[in-house]
């Protein structure tokens, strides 16, 4: 009976990987299936898509837009095996405009991550709600 537990665990992990790893496009570009993300704070918004690329990278792609005065930035924080990583600024925009948000992060089933849009470019003291960027919907069709 104990021999079946590792087999069942391996099958469960394989099923989770299949859900988390969308099929890639035939041309080798962006995957055919992605998950949308968005975040905002005051007059700044960020939005885009995220996906997993083999052998285990989370890719986040999108735009940060601002329509007023001042500076805003996109920040991420990833936790691997319950160990929090550093806060990282991924993009910033000052004044009106739009900039790219491009993030590539090593990803395992024990990785969790959050993303927020914050006022300013130096810290995360004044931010909108932190969004989970490592949850995966079961149905993506």
C-alpha atoms as a PDB file:
ATOM      1  CA  UNK A   1       0.000   0.000   0.000  1.00  0.00           C
ATOM      2  CA  UNK A   2       2.854   2.415   0.731  1.00  0.00           C
ATOM      3  CA  UNK A   3       4.261   1.925  -2.780  1.00  0.00           C
ATOM      4  CA  UNK A   4       1.155   3.559  -4.272  1.00  0.00           C
ATOM      5  CA  UNK A   5       1.616   6.872  -2.440  1.00  0.00           C
ATOM      6  CA  UNK A   6       4.662   8.034  -4.482  1.00  0.00           C
ATOM      7  CA  UNK A   7       2.926   7.028  -7.706  1.00  0.00           C
ATOM      8  CA  UNK A   8      -0.217   8.944  -6.735  1.00  0.00           C
ATOM      9  CA  UNK A   9       1.865  11.967  -5.688  1.00  0.00           C
ATOM     10  CA  UNK A  10       3.759  11.910  -8.992  1.00  0.00           C
ATOM     11  CA  UNK A  11       0.488  11.734 -10.916  1.00  0.00           C
ATOM     12  CA  UNK A  12      -0.909  14.698  -8.957  1.00  0.00           C
ATOM     13  CA  UNK A  13       2.221  16.786  -9.626  1.00  0.00           C
ATOM     14  CA  UNK A  14       2.051  15.912 -13.328  1.00  0.00           C
ATOM     15  CA  UNK A  15      -1.587  16.999 -13.474  1.00  0.00           C
ATOM     16  CA  UNK A  16      -0.765  20.321 -11.794  1.00  0.00           C
ATOM     17  CA  UNK A  17       2.091  20.971 -14.222  1.00  0.00           C
ATOM     18  CA  UNK A  18      -0.219  20.285 -17.140  1.00  0.00           C
ATOM     19  CA  UNK A  19      -2.663  22.895 -15.818  1.00  0.00           C
ATOM     20  CA  UNK A  20       0.058  25.481 -15.192  1.00  0.00           C
ATOM     21  CA  UNK A  21       1.886  25.082 -18.499  1.00  0.00           C
ATOM     22  CA  UNK A  22      -0.136  26.372 -21.425  1.00  0.00           C
ATOM     23  CA  UNK A  23       0.508  25.052 -24.909  1.00  0.00           C
ATOM     24  CA  UNK A  24       2.962  27.122 -26.923  1.00  0.00           C
ATOM     25  CA  UNK A  25       2.132  28.685 -30.240  1.00  0.00           C
ATOM     26  CA  UNK A  26       3.245  26.875 -33.359  1.00  0.00           C
ATOM     27  CA  UNK A  27       5.539  29.757 -34.360  1.00  0.00           C
ATOM     28  CA  UNK A  28       7.549  29.528 -31.102  1.00  0.00           C
ATOM     29  CA  UNK A  29       6.313  32.933 -29.878  1.00  0.00           C
ATOM     30  CA  UNK A  30       3.853  33.665 -27.114  1.00  0.00           C
ATOM     31  CA  UNK A  31       1.857  30.633 -25.909  1.00  0.00           C
ATOM     32  CA  UNK A  32      -1.511  29.941 -27.443  1.00  0.00           C
ATOM     33  CA  UNK A  33      -3.125  30.163 -23.976  1.00  0.00           C
ATOM     34  CA  UNK A  34      -2.265  32.874 -21.472  1.00  0.00           C
ATOM     35  CA  UNK A  35      -3.763  34.308 -18.293  1.00  0.00           C
ATOM     36  CA  UNK A  36      -4.639  38.005 -18.073  1.00  0.00           C
ATOM     37  CA  UNK A  37      -3.408  40.168 -15.176  1.00  0.00           C
ATOM     38  CA  UNK A  38      -4.067  43.753 -14.163  1.00  0.00           C
ATOM     39  CA  UNK A  39      -3.313  46.158 -11.328  1.00  0.00           C
ATOM     40  CA  UNK A  40      -3.690  49.849 -10.699  1.00  0.00           C
ATOM     41  CA  UNK A  41      -3.253  52.728  -8.305  1.00  0.00           C
ATOM     42  CA  UNK A  42      -4.706  56.219  -8.586  1.00  0.00           C
ATOM     43  CA  UNK A  43      -4.120  57.401 -12.193  1.00  0.00           C
ATOM     44  CA  UNK A  44      -1.818  54.518 -13.204  1.00  0.00           C
ATOM     45  CA  UNK A  45      -2.800  51.112 -14.547  1.00  0.00           C
ATOM     46  CA  UNK A  46      -0.872  48.036 -15.587  1.00  0.00           C
ATOM     47  CA  UNK A  47      -2.202  45.058 -17.518  1.00  0.00           C
ATOM     48  CA  UNK A  48      -1.038  42.211 -19.687  1.00  0.00           C
ATOM     49  CA  UNK A  49      -0.702  38.451 -19.902  1.00  0.00           C
ATOM     50  CA  UNK A  50       1.306  35.779 -18.101  1.00  0.00           C
ATOM     51  CA  UNK A  51       2.304  32.221 -18.924  1.00  0.00           C
ATOM     52  CA  UNK A  52       4.760  29.449 -18.129  1.00  0.00           C
ATOM     53  CA  UNK A  53       7.589  28.612 -20.537  1.00  0.00           C
ATOM     54  CA  UNK A  54       9.451  25.322 -20.260  1.00  0.00           C
ATOM     55  CA  UNK A  55      11.573  24.302 -18.465  1.00  0.00           C
ATOM     56  CA  UNK A  56      10.071  26.425 -15.687  1.00  0.00           C
ATOM     57  CA  UNK A  57       9.906  30.182 -16.201  1.00  0.00           C
ATOM     58  CA  UNK A  58       6.992  32.453 -15.398  1.00  0.00           C
ATOM     59  CA  UNK A  59       6.747  35.161 -18.054  1.00  0.00           C
ATOM     60  CA  UNK A  60       4.812  38.359 -17.370  1.00  0.00           C
ATOM     61  CA  UNK A  61       4.275  40.756 -20.259  1.00  0.00           C
ATOM     62  CA  UNK A  62       2.231  43.934 -20.393  1.00  0.00           C
ATOM     63  CA  UNK A  63       2.115  47.724 -20.183  1.00  0.00           C
ATOM     64  CA  UNK A  64       2.207  50.304 -17.386  1.00  0.00           C
ATOM     65  CA  UNK A  65       0.248  53.454 -18.307  1.00  0.00           C
ATOM     66  CA  UNK A  66      -0.154  56.767 -16.552  1.00  0.00           C
ATOM     67  CA  UNK A  67      -2.261  59.777 -17.540  1.00  0.00           C
ATOM     68  CA  UNK A  68      -1.190  62.506 -15.123  1.00  0.00           C
ATOM     69  CA  UNK A  69       1.643  64.091 -13.186  1.00  0.00           C
ATOM     70  CA  UNK A  70       4.164  62.241 -11.032  1.00  0.00           C
ATOM     71  CA  UNK A  71       5.794  58.853 -11.261  1.00  0.00           C
ATOM     72  CA  UNK A  72       4.410  55.330 -10.832  1.00  0.00           C
ATOM     73  CA  UNK A  73       6.071  51.916 -10.876  1.00  0.00           C
ATOM     74  CA  UNK A  74       5.276  48.201 -11.037  1.00  0.00           C
ATOM     75  CA  UNK A  75       6.759  46.019  -8.288  1.00  0.00           C
ATOM     76  CA  UNK A  76       6.846  42.247  -7.767  1.00  0.00           C
ATOM     77  CA  UNK A  77       7.662  39.936  -4.897  1.00  0.00           C
ATOM     78  CA  UNK A  78       8.080  36.175  -5.260  1.00  0.00           C
ATOM     79  CA  UNK A  79       8.124  33.561  -2.517  1.00  0.00           C
ATOM     80  CA  UNK A  80       9.884  30.238  -3.166  1.00  0.00           C
ATOM     81  CA  UNK A  81       9.370  27.352  -0.735  1.00  0.00           C
ATOM     82  CA  UNK A  82       7.985  29.814   1.873  1.00  0.00           C
ATOM     83  CA  UNK A  83      11.127  32.012   1.613  1.00  0.00           C
ATOM     84  CA  UNK A  84      10.247  35.572   0.514  1.00  0.00           C
ATOM     85  CA  UNK A  85      12.441  37.077  -2.162  1.00  0.00           C
ATOM     86  CA  UNK A  86      13.228  40.779  -2.490  1.00  0.00           C
ATOM     87  CA  UNK A  87      10.826  43.417  -3.731  1.00  0.00           C
ATOM     88  CA  UNK A  88      11.762  44.245  -7.332  1.00  0.00           C
ATOM     89  CA  UNK A  89      10.810  47.259  -9.400  1.00  0.00           C
ATOM     90  CA  UNK A  90       9.934  46.013 -12.879  1.00  0.00           C
ATOM     91  CA  UNK A  91       8.914  49.214 -14.703  1.00  0.00           C
ATOM     92  CA  UNK A  92       8.388  52.934 -14.094  1.00  0.00           C
ATOM     93  CA  UNK A  93       6.709  55.803 -15.874  1.00  0.00           C
ATOM     94  CA  UNK A  94       6.882  59.528 -15.062  1.00  0.00           C
ATOM     95  CA  UNK A  95       4.281  61.902 -16.421  1.00  0.00           C
ATOM     96  CA  UNK A  96       1.821  60.744 -19.050  1.00  0.00           C
ATOM     97  CA  UNK A  97       2.912  57.732 -21.041  1.00  0.00           C
ATOM     98  CA  UNK A  98       3.131  53.976 -21.393  1.00  0.00           C
ATOM     99  CA  UNK A  99       6.074  51.629 -20.832  1.00  0.00           C
ATOM    100  CA  UNK A 100       6.566  47.887 -21.243  1.00  0.00           C
ATOM    101  CA  UNK A 101       6.424  45.487 -18.307  1.00  0.00           C
ATOM    102  CA  UNK A 102       8.534  42.377 -18.927  1.00  0.00           C
ATOM    103  CA  UNK A 103       9.345  39.894 -16.158  1.00  0.00           C
ATOM    104  CA  UNK A 104      10.901  36.436 -16.322  1.00  0.00           C
ATOM    105  CA  UNK A 105      11.026  34.484 -13.045  1.00  0.00           C
ATOM    106  CA  UNK A 106      12.064  30.922 -12.242  1.00  0.00           C
ATOM    107  CA  UNK A 107       8.860  29.060 -11.421  1.00  0.00           C
ATOM    108  CA  UNK A 108       8.112  25.875  -9.477  1.00  0.00           C
ATOM    109  CA  UNK A 109       4.859  24.604  -7.993  1.00  0.00           C
ATOM    110  CA  UNK A 110       5.968  26.117  -4.655  1.00  0.00           C
ATOM    111  CA  UNK A 111       6.457  29.606  -6.143  1.00  0.00           C
ATOM    112  CA  UNK A 112       3.944  32.330  -5.350  1.00  0.00           C
ATOM    113  CA  UNK A 113       4.093  35.888  -6.588  1.00  0.00           C
ATOM    114  CA  UNK A 114       2.355  39.223  -6.276  1.00  0.00           C
ATOM    115  CA  UNK A 115       2.430  42.410  -8.340  1.00  0.00           C
ATOM    116  CA  UNK A 116       1.379  45.985  -7.493  1.00  0.00           C
ATOM    117  CA  UNK A 117       1.369  49.465  -8.999  1.00  0.00           C
ATOM    118  CA  UNK A 118       2.893  52.005  -6.611  1.00  0.00           C
ATOM    119  CA  UNK A 119       3.167  55.791  -6.515  1.00  0.00           C
ATOM    120  CA  UNK A 120       6.775  56.900  -6.952  1.00  0.00           C
ATOM    121  CA  UNK A 121       9.763  54.847  -8.031  1.00  0.00           C
ATOM    122  CA  UNK A 122      11.770  54.266  -4.863  1.00  0.00           C
ATOM    123  CA  UNK A 123       9.612  52.106  -2.573  1.00  0.00           C
ATOM    124  CA  UNK A 124       6.284  50.348  -1.990  1.00  0.00           C
ATOM    125  CA  UNK A 125       4.849  52.670   0.682  1.00  0.00           C
ATOM    126  CA  UNK A 126       1.892  53.891  -1.419  1.00  0.00           C
ATOM    127  CA  UNK A 127       0.528  51.084  -3.593  1.00  0.00           C
ATOM    128  CA  UNK A 128      -2.699  49.751  -4.977  1.00  0.00           C
ATOM    129  CA  UNK A 129      -3.855  46.250  -4.030  1.00  0.00           C
ATOM    130  CA  UNK A 130      -1.249  43.510  -4.522  1.00  0.00           C
ATOM    131  CA  UNK A 131      -2.436  41.063  -7.198  1.00  0.00           C
ATOM    132  CA  UNK A 132      -1.661  37.335  -7.196  1.00  0.00           C
ATOM    133  CA  UNK A 133       0.222  36.526 -10.419  1.00  0.00           C
ATOM    134  CA  UNK A 134       0.782  32.820  -9.808  1.00  0.00           C
ATOM    135  CA  UNK A 135      -2.788  31.508  -9.558  1.00  0.00           C
ATOM    136  CA  UNK A 136      -3.908  29.497 -12.553  1.00  0.00           C
ATOM    137  CA  UNK A 137      -7.514  29.026 -13.670  1.00  0.00           C
ATOM    138  CA  UNK A 138      -8.583  25.468 -14.259  1.00  0.00           C
ATOM    139  CA  UNK A 139     -10.475  26.345 -17.446  1.00  0.00           C
ATOM    140  CA  UNK A 140      -8.661  28.641 -19.852  1.00  0.00           C
ATOM    141  CA  UNK A 141     -10.688  28.058 -23.016  1.00  0.00           C
END
